[in-house]
C-alpha atoms as a PDB file:
ATOM      1  CA  MET A   1      95.657 139.463 -70.309  1.00  0.00           C
ATOM      2  CA  ARG A   2      96.812 136.059 -69.064  1.00  0.00           C
ATOM      3  CA  ASP A   3      95.477 136.722 -65.619  1.00  0.00           C
ATOM      4  CA  THR A   4      92.197 137.780 -67.103  1.00  0.00           C
ATOM      5  CA  GLY A   5      91.995 134.539 -69.109  1.00  0.00           C
ATOM      6  CA  GLU A   6      92.612 132.421 -66.038  1.00  0.00           C
ATOM      7  CA  THR A   7      89.922 134.336 -64.167  1.00  0.00           C
ATOM      8  CA  VAL A   8      87.423 133.696 -66.949  1.00  0.00           C
ATOM      9  CA  GLU A   9      88.254 129.995 -66.974  1.00  0.00           C
ATOM     10  CA  MET A  10      87.776 129.793 -63.218  1.00  0.00           C
ATOM     11  CA  LYS A  11      84.402 131.520 -63.477  1.00  0.00           C
ATOM     12  CA  VAL A  12      83.307 129.080 -66.170  1.00  0.00           C
ATOM     13  CA  GLU A  13      84.319 126.150 -63.994  1.00  0.00           C
ATOM     14  CA  VAL A  14      82.393 127.550 -61.042  1.00  0.00           C
ATOM     15  CA  ILE A  15      79.310 128.083 -63.207  1.00  0.00           C
ATOM     16  CA  VAL A  16      79.518 124.511 -64.570  1.00  0.00           C
ATOM     17  CA  ALA A  17      79.908 123.087 -61.089  1.00  0.00           C
ATOM     18  CA  THR A  18      76.996 125.103 -59.808  1.00  0.00           C
ATOM     19  CA  VAL A  19      74.734 123.928 -62.635  1.00  0.00           C
ATOM     20  CA  PHE A  20      75.743 120.295 -61.970  1.00  0.00           C
ATOM     21  CA  ILE A  21      74.913 120.599 -58.286  1.00  0.00           C
ATOM     22  CA  LEU A  22      71.562 122.226 -59.004  1.00  0.00           C
ATOM     23  CA  CYS A  23      70.649 119.546 -61.562  1.00  0.00           C
ATOM     24  CA  HIS A  24      71.653 116.713 -59.224  1.00  0.00           C
ATOM     25  CA  SER A  25      69.652 118.255 -56.388  1.00  0.00           C
ATOM     26  CA  SER A  26      66.632 118.581 -58.657  1.00  0.00           C
ATOM     27  CA  LEU A  27      66.866 114.927 -59.687  1.00  0.00           C
ATOM     28  CA  GLN A  28      66.984 113.822 -56.026  1.00  0.00           C
ATOM     29  CA  ASP A  29      63.917 115.953 -55.268  1.00  0.00           C
ATOM     30  CA  ASP A  30      62.086 114.329 -58.181  1.00  0.00           C
ATOM     31  CA  GLU A  31      63.028 110.838 -56.939  1.00  0.00           C
ATOM     32  CA  ILE A  32      61.810 111.628 -53.437  1.00  0.00           C
ATOM     33  CA  ARG A  33      58.560 113.011 -54.778  1.00  0.00           C
ATOM     34  CA  THR A  34      57.968 109.902 -56.952  1.00  0.00           C
ATOM     35  CA  GLU A  35      58.518 107.398 -54.084  1.00  0.00           C
ATOM     36  CA  PRO A  36      55.240 106.091 -52.522  1.00  0.00           C
ATOM     37  CA  ARG A  37      54.420 107.596 -49.177  1.00  0.00           C
ATOM     38  CA  PHE A  38      54.744 105.248 -46.115  1.00  0.00           C
ATOM     39  CA  ASP A  39      51.317 104.786 -44.432  1.00  0.00           C
ATOM     40  CA  VAL A  40      51.860 103.800 -40.768  1.00  0.00           C
ATOM     41  CA  ASN A  41      48.191 102.976 -40.096  1.00  0.00           C
ATOM     42  CA  GLN A  42      48.025 100.703 -43.114  1.00  0.00           C
ATOM     43  CA  GLU A  43      51.152  98.831 -42.019  1.00  0.00           C
ATOM     44  CA  ILE A  44      49.782  98.400 -38.472  1.00  0.00           C
ATOM     45  CA  LEU A  45      46.561  96.981 -39.927  1.00  0.00           C
ATOM     46  CA  LYS A  46      48.564  94.515 -42.013  1.00  0.00           C
ATOM     47  CA  LEU A  47      50.524  93.449 -38.922  1.00  0.00           C
ATOM     48  CA  HIS A  48      47.276  92.852 -37.014  1.00  0.00           C
ATOM     49  CA  GLU A  49      46.010  90.685 -39.872  1.00  0.00           C
ATOM     50  CA  ARG A  50      49.226  88.662 -39.887  1.00  0.00           C
ATOM     51  CA  ILE A  51      49.079  88.205 -36.110  1.00  0.00           C
ATOM     52  CA  ALA A  52      45.434  87.053 -36.347  1.00  0.00           C
ATOM     53  CA  LYS A  53      46.382  84.536 -39.067  1.00  0.00           C
ATOM     54  CA  LEU A  54      49.307  83.224 -37.007  1.00  0.00           C
ATOM     55  CA  THR A  55      47.061  82.890 -33.955  1.00  0.00           C
ATOM     56  CA  GLU A  56      44.531  80.912 -35.997  1.00  0.00           C
ATOM     57  CA  ASP A  57      47.275  78.650 -37.350  1.00  0.00           C
ATOM     58  CA  LEU A  58      48.600  78.077 -33.823  1.00  0.00           C
ATOM     59  CA  THR A  59      45.088  77.177 -32.607  1.00  0.00           C
ATOM     60  CA  VAL A  60      44.675  74.598 -35.387  1.00  0.00           C
ATOM     61  CA  MET A  61      48.114  73.183 -34.644  1.00  0.00           C
ATOM     62  CA  GLY A  62      47.228  72.964 -30.952  1.00  0.00           C
ATOM     63  CA  GLU A  63      44.017  71.037 -31.740  1.00  0.00           C
ATOM     64  CA  LYS A  64      45.901  68.649 -34.014  1.00  0.00           C
ATOM     65  CA  ASN A  65      48.560  68.211 -31.355  1.00  0.00           C
ATOM     66  CA  GLY A  66      45.868  67.433 -28.754  1.00  0.00           C
ATOM     67  CA  ALA A  67      44.351  64.787 -31.033  1.00  0.00           C
ATOM     68  CA  LEU A  68      47.779  63.279 -31.627  1.00  0.00           C
ATOM     69  CA  GLN A  69      48.446  63.216 -27.881  1.00  0.00           C
ATOM     70  CA  GLU A  70      45.149  61.368 -27.278  1.00  0.00           C
ATOM     71  CA  ARG A  71      45.944  58.862 -30.026  1.00  0.00           C
ATOM     72  CA  LEU A  72      49.445  58.378 -28.640  1.00  0.00           C
ATOM     73  CA  ALA A  73      48.031  57.734 -25.169  1.00  0.00           C
ATOM     74  CA  ALA A  74      45.600  55.151 -26.601  1.00  0.00           C
ATOM     75  CA  VAL A  75      48.410  53.416 -28.504  1.00  0.00           C
ATOM     76  CA  ASN A  76      50.601  53.390 -25.394  1.00  0.00           C
ATOM     77  CA  LEU A  77      47.749  51.896 -23.365  1.00  0.00           C
ATOM     78  CA  GLU A  78      47.130  49.233 -26.010  1.00  0.00           C
ATOM     79  CA  LEU A  79      50.848  48.446 -26.101  1.00  0.00           C
ATOM     80  CA  LYS A  80      50.935  48.207 -22.311  1.00  0.00           C
ATOM     81  CA  ASN A  81      47.967  45.830 -22.338  1.00  0.00           C
ATOM     82  CA  LEU A  82      49.690  43.655 -24.929  1.00  0.00           C
ATOM     83  CA  GLN A  83      52.846  43.575 -22.853  1.00  0.00           C
ATOM     84  CA  ASP A  84      51.031  43.226 -19.534  1.00  0.00           C
ATOM     85  CA  PRO A  85      47.516  41.799 -20.166  1.00  0.00           C
ATOM     86  CA  PRO A  86      44.754  42.582 -17.667  1.00  0.00           C
ATOM     87  CA  ALA A  87      44.221  39.957 -14.961  1.00  0.00           C
ATOM     88  CA  ILE A  88      41.211  37.753 -15.828  1.00  0.00           C
ATOM     89  CA  ALA A  89      40.795  34.415 -14.038  1.00  0.00           C
ATOM     90  CA  PHE A  90      38.073  32.493 -12.207  1.00  0.00           C
ATOM     91  CA  SER A  91      37.273  29.231 -10.466  1.00  0.00           C
ATOM     92  CA  ALA A  92      33.910  28.146  -9.064  1.00  0.00           C
ATOM     93  CA  ALA A  93      32.344  24.985  -7.649  1.00  0.00           C
ATOM     94  CA  LEU A  94      28.863  23.433  -7.544  1.00  0.00           C
ATOM     95  CA  THR A  95      28.900  22.570  -3.771  1.00  0.00           C
ATOM     96  CA  HIS A  96      25.942  20.148  -4.128  1.00  0.00           C
ATOM     97  CA  PRO A  97      24.693  17.253  -6.329  1.00  0.00           C
ATOM     98  CA  VAL A  98      22.712  18.086  -9.501  1.00  0.00           C
ATOM     99  CA  GLY A  99      20.437  15.902 -11.659  1.00  0.00           C
ATOM    100  CA  VAL A 100      18.713  13.924 -12.853  1.00  0.00           C
ATOM    101  CA  TYR A 101      16.709  16.113 -15.322  1.00  0.00           C
ATOM    102  CA  ASN A 102      14.850  15.206 -18.502  1.00  0.00           C
ATOM    103  CA  VAL A 103      16.361  18.185 -20.358  1.00  0.00           C
ATOM    104  CA  ASP A 104      19.823  19.711 -20.634  1.00  0.00           C
ATOM    105  CA  ILE A 105      20.432  22.444 -18.028  1.00  0.00           C
ATOM    106  CA  THR A 106      23.147  25.113 -17.666  1.00  0.00           C
ATOM    107  CA  LEU A 107      25.247  24.375 -14.604  1.00  0.00           C
ATOM    108  CA  VAL A 108      25.514  27.174 -12.056  1.00  0.00           C
ATOM    109  CA  TYR A 109      28.697  27.023 -10.011  1.00  0.00           C
ATOM    110  CA  SER A 110      27.551  29.128  -7.092  1.00  0.00           C
ATOM    111  CA  LYS A 111      30.634  28.825  -4.901  1.00  0.00           C
ATOM    112  CA  VAL A 112      33.144  31.383  -6.219  1.00  0.00           C
ATOM    113  CA  ILE A 113      36.715  30.422  -5.363  1.00  0.00           C
ATOM    114  CA  SER A 114      38.259  33.260  -7.372  1.00  0.00           C
ATOM    115  CA  ASN A 115      36.874  35.782  -9.817  1.00  0.00           C
ATOM    116  CA  VAL A 116      39.648  38.178 -10.855  1.00  0.00           C
ATOM    117  CA  GLY A 117      38.209  40.684 -13.300  1.00  0.00           C
ATOM    118  CA  ARG A 118      34.641  39.650 -12.365  1.00  0.00           C
ATOM    119  CA  ALA A 119      33.983  38.071 -15.764  1.00  0.00           C
ATOM    120  CA  TYR A 120      32.273  34.997 -14.264  1.00  0.00           C
ATOM    121  CA  ASN A 121      28.640  35.304 -13.135  1.00  0.00           C
ATOM    122  CA  PRO A 122      27.850  32.958 -10.196  1.00  0.00           C
ATOM    123  CA  ILE A 123      24.108  33.532 -10.674  1.00  0.00           C
ATOM    124  CA  THR A 124      23.982  32.303 -14.289  1.00  0.00           C
ATOM    125  CA  GLY A 125      27.100  30.083 -14.349  1.00  0.00           C
ATOM    126  CA  ILE A 126      28.351  31.944 -17.443  1.00  0.00           C
ATOM    127  CA  PHE A 127      31.798  33.365 -18.142  1.00  0.00           C
ATOM    128  CA  THR A 128      31.776  36.387 -20.482  1.00  0.00           C
ATOM    129  CA  ALA A 129      35.053  37.322 -22.171  1.00  0.00           C
ATOM    130  CA  PRO A 130      35.737  41.000 -21.401  1.00  0.00           C
ATOM    131  CA  ARG A 131      38.512  41.337 -24.020  1.00  0.00           C
ATOM    132  CA  ASN A 132      39.531  39.778 -27.314  1.00  0.00           C
ATOM    133  CA  GLY A 133      42.062  37.130 -26.422  1.00  0.00           C
ATOM    134  CA  THR A 134      43.126  33.526 -26.021  1.00  0.00           C
ATOM    135  CA  TYR A 135      41.708  31.839 -22.915  1.00  0.00           C
ATOM    136  CA  TYR A 136      42.146  28.521 -21.192  1.00  0.00           C
ATOM    137  CA  ILE A 137      38.875  26.962 -19.954  1.00  0.00           C
ATOM    138  CA  ARG A 138      38.796  23.872 -17.734  1.00  0.00           C
ATOM    139  CA  PHE A 139      36.239  21.791 -15.872  1.00  0.00           C
ATOM    140  CA  THR A 140      36.358  18.868 -13.436  1.00  0.00           C
ATOM    141  CA  SER A 141      33.343  16.670 -12.704  1.00  0.00           C
ATOM    142  CA  CYS A 142      32.527  14.057 -10.069  1.00  0.00           C
ATOM    143  CA  ASP A 143      29.846  11.416  -9.464  1.00  0.00           C
ATOM    144  CA  ASN A 144      29.324   8.403  -7.197  1.00  0.00           C
ATOM    145  CA  THR A 145      26.074   6.796  -8.307  1.00  0.00           C
ATOM    146  CA  GLN A 146      25.255   3.571 -10.155  1.00  0.00           C
ATOM    147  CA  SER A 147      21.834   4.582 -11.413  1.00  0.00           C
ATOM    148  CA  HIS A 148      22.847   7.298 -13.868  1.00  0.00           C
ATOM    149  CA  GLY A 149      25.926   8.236 -15.832  1.00  0.00           C
ATOM    150  CA  MET A 150      27.915  11.409 -15.235  1.00  0.00           C
ATOM    151  CA  ALA A 151      28.290  13.815 -18.150  1.00  0.00           C
ATOM    152  CA  LEU A 152      29.140  17.420 -18.974  1.00  0.00           C
ATOM    153  CA  ASP A 153      29.129  19.541 -22.161  1.00  0.00           C
ATOM    154  CA  LEU A 154      31.165  22.710 -22.705  1.00  0.00           C
ATOM    155  CA  TYR A 155      29.651  25.511 -24.820  1.00  0.00           C
ATOM    156  CA  LYS A 156      30.983  28.615 -26.532  1.00  0.00           C
ATOM    157  CA  ASN A 157      28.000  30.859 -27.237  1.00  0.00           C
ATOM    158  CA  THR A 158      25.488  28.380 -28.711  1.00  0.00           C
ATOM    159  CA  GLU A 159      28.093  25.917 -30.013  1.00  0.00           C
ATOM    160  CA  LYS A 160      28.915  22.731 -28.141  1.00  0.00           C
ATOM    161  CA  ILE A 161      32.691  22.393 -28.333  1.00  0.00           C
ATOM    162  CA  ASN A 162      33.395  19.561 -25.890  1.00  0.00           C
ATOM    163  CA  GLY A 163      31.473  16.763 -24.208  1.00  0.00           C
ATOM    164  CA  LEU A 164      32.513  14.037 -21.758  1.00  0.00           C
ATOM    165  CA  ALA A 165      30.593  11.171 -20.149  1.00  0.00           C
ATOM    166  CA  LYS A 166      31.385   8.314 -17.787  1.00  0.00           C
ATOM    167  CA  TYR A 167      29.780   5.756 -15.435  1.00  0.00           C
ATOM    168  CA  SER A 168      30.901   5.827 -11.822  1.00  0.00           C
ATOM    169  CA  ASN A 169      29.630   2.348 -10.834  1.00  0.00           C
ATOM    170  CA  GLY A 170      28.896   3.564  -7.330  1.00  0.00           C
ATOM    171  CA  TYR A 171      32.438   4.784  -6.618  1.00  0.00           C
ATOM    172  CA  MET A 172      33.677   8.375  -6.410  1.00  0.00           C
ATOM    173  CA  THR A 173      34.712   8.953 -10.012  1.00  0.00           C
ATOM    174  CA  TYR A 174      36.103  12.003 -11.811  1.00  0.00           C
ATOM    175  CA  PHE A 175      36.819  13.302 -15.261  1.00  0.00           C
ATOM    176  CA  SER A 176      38.331  16.588 -16.438  1.00  0.00           C
ATOM    177  CA  GLY A 177      38.504  18.505 -19.678  1.00  0.00           C
ATOM    178  CA  GLY A 178      40.084  21.699 -20.919  1.00  0.00           C
ATOM    179  CA  LEU A 179      40.493  23.713 -24.101  1.00  0.00           C
ATOM    180  CA  VAL A 180      42.322  26.795 -25.315  1.00  0.00           C
ATOM    181  CA  LEU A 181      39.702  29.066 -26.861  1.00  0.00           C
ATOM    182  CA  GLN A 182      39.961  32.127 -29.069  1.00  0.00           C
ATOM    183  CA  LEU A 183      37.301  34.501 -27.724  1.00  0.00           C
ATOM    184  CA  GLU A 184      36.108  37.925 -28.737  1.00  0.00           C
ATOM    185  CA  ALA A 185      34.824  40.442 -26.222  1.00  0.00           C
ATOM    186  CA  GLY A 186      31.248  39.436 -25.356  1.00  0.00           C
ATOM    187  CA  ASP A 187      31.614  35.739 -26.174  1.00  0.00           C
ATOM    188  CA  VAL A 188      30.210  33.479 -23.442  1.00  0.00           C
ATOM    189  CA  VAL A 189      31.442  30.121 -22.172  1.00  0.00           C
ATOM    190  CA  TYR A 190      29.455  27.792 -19.910  1.00  0.00           C
ATOM    191  CA  THR A 191      28.780  24.125 -19.166  1.00  0.00           C
ATOM    192  CA  LYS A 192      25.597  22.056 -19.421  1.00  0.00           C
ATOM    193  CA  LEU A 193      24.465  18.913 -17.679  1.00  0.00           C
ATOM    194  CA  PRO A 194      22.973  16.633 -20.375  1.00  0.00           C
ATOM    195  CA  ALA A 195      19.530  15.125 -19.782  1.00  0.00           C
ATOM    196  CA  ASN A 196      19.368  11.905 -17.734  1.00  0.00           C
ATOM    197  CA  SER A 197      22.820  12.438 -16.217  1.00  0.00           C
ATOM    198  CA  LYS A 198      24.043  13.424 -12.771  1.00  0.00           C
ATOM    199  CA  LEU A 199      26.975  15.168 -11.046  1.00  0.00           C
ATOM    200  CA  TYR A 200      28.081  15.219  -7.433  1.00  0.00           C
ATOM    201  CA  ASP A 201      29.685  17.902  -5.291  1.00  0.00           C
ATOM    202  CA  ASP A 202      29.989  18.821  -1.626  1.00  0.00           C
ATOM    203  CA  GLY A 203      32.155  21.156   0.439  1.00  0.00           C
ATOM    204  CA  ASN A 204      35.292  19.660  -1.114  1.00  0.00           C
ATOM    205  CA  ASN A 205      34.825  21.415  -4.479  1.00  0.00           C
ATOM    206  CA  ARG A 206      34.712  18.183  -6.481  1.00  0.00           C
ATOM    207  CA  THR A 207      32.941  19.631  -9.535  1.00  0.00           C
ATOM    208  CA  THR A 208      34.481  22.893 -10.733  1.00  0.00           C
ATOM    209  CA  PHE A 209      34.574  25.307 -13.645  1.00  0.00           C
ATOM    210  CA  SER A 210      37.664  27.484 -14.242  1.00  0.00           C
ATOM    211  CA  GLY A 211      39.332  29.713 -16.805  1.00  0.00           C
ATOM    212  CA  PHE A 212      41.849  32.464 -17.334  1.00  0.00           C
ATOM    213  CA  LEU A 213      43.221  34.816 -20.012  1.00  0.00           C
ATOM    214  CA  ILE A 214      46.480  33.655 -21.591  1.00  0.00           C
ATOM    215  CA  PHE A 215      47.113  36.719 -23.784  1.00  0.00           C
ATOM    216  CA  LEU A 216      45.236  39.421 -25.675  1.00  0.00           C
ATOM    217  CA  THR A 217      44.766  39.251 -29.451  1.00  0.00           C
END
């Protein structure tokens, strides 16, 4: 009878184990069936959309980077110009006597001695500032007559900023003047011979008009 009891107990244990396994397997099947199904095509479409968005972002970043590179190049050029200003300098002479006139006239220094940067116009006698900056402008005048005085006026745009006059008393006589001027690009500087006055020049460059850039501002 004891052996029979042990056999029954073993059978019960086997039955219990079998039921447990079947129940566990059923639960796993239910979990698998309740999980959402993986759609490969849908995932590929999402990846394409993400790639397109990344490409668009990279394009925008590239455009911004290009603009920054252009701005950086402009800043570097401006810095270079401040450290090493462009060469602007001129000197010119009359080469012949002028005057006497009954009105003021703009003096034209037709003999160009130097014109670095080509900011001086030997046809009009006018220097035009090509850049904002501080410039030094100078003139030297000569005369040798007793009948009329020698004189010269310096102008910035339409404003007279300097004027000198002197009598030569028949001897070769000179005077010179110079100013440091703050000019903006496009400002003009020139000299005028006042009415009833006279200046002398010959091949020795006795009456001259000069200027050069000191530094940019």
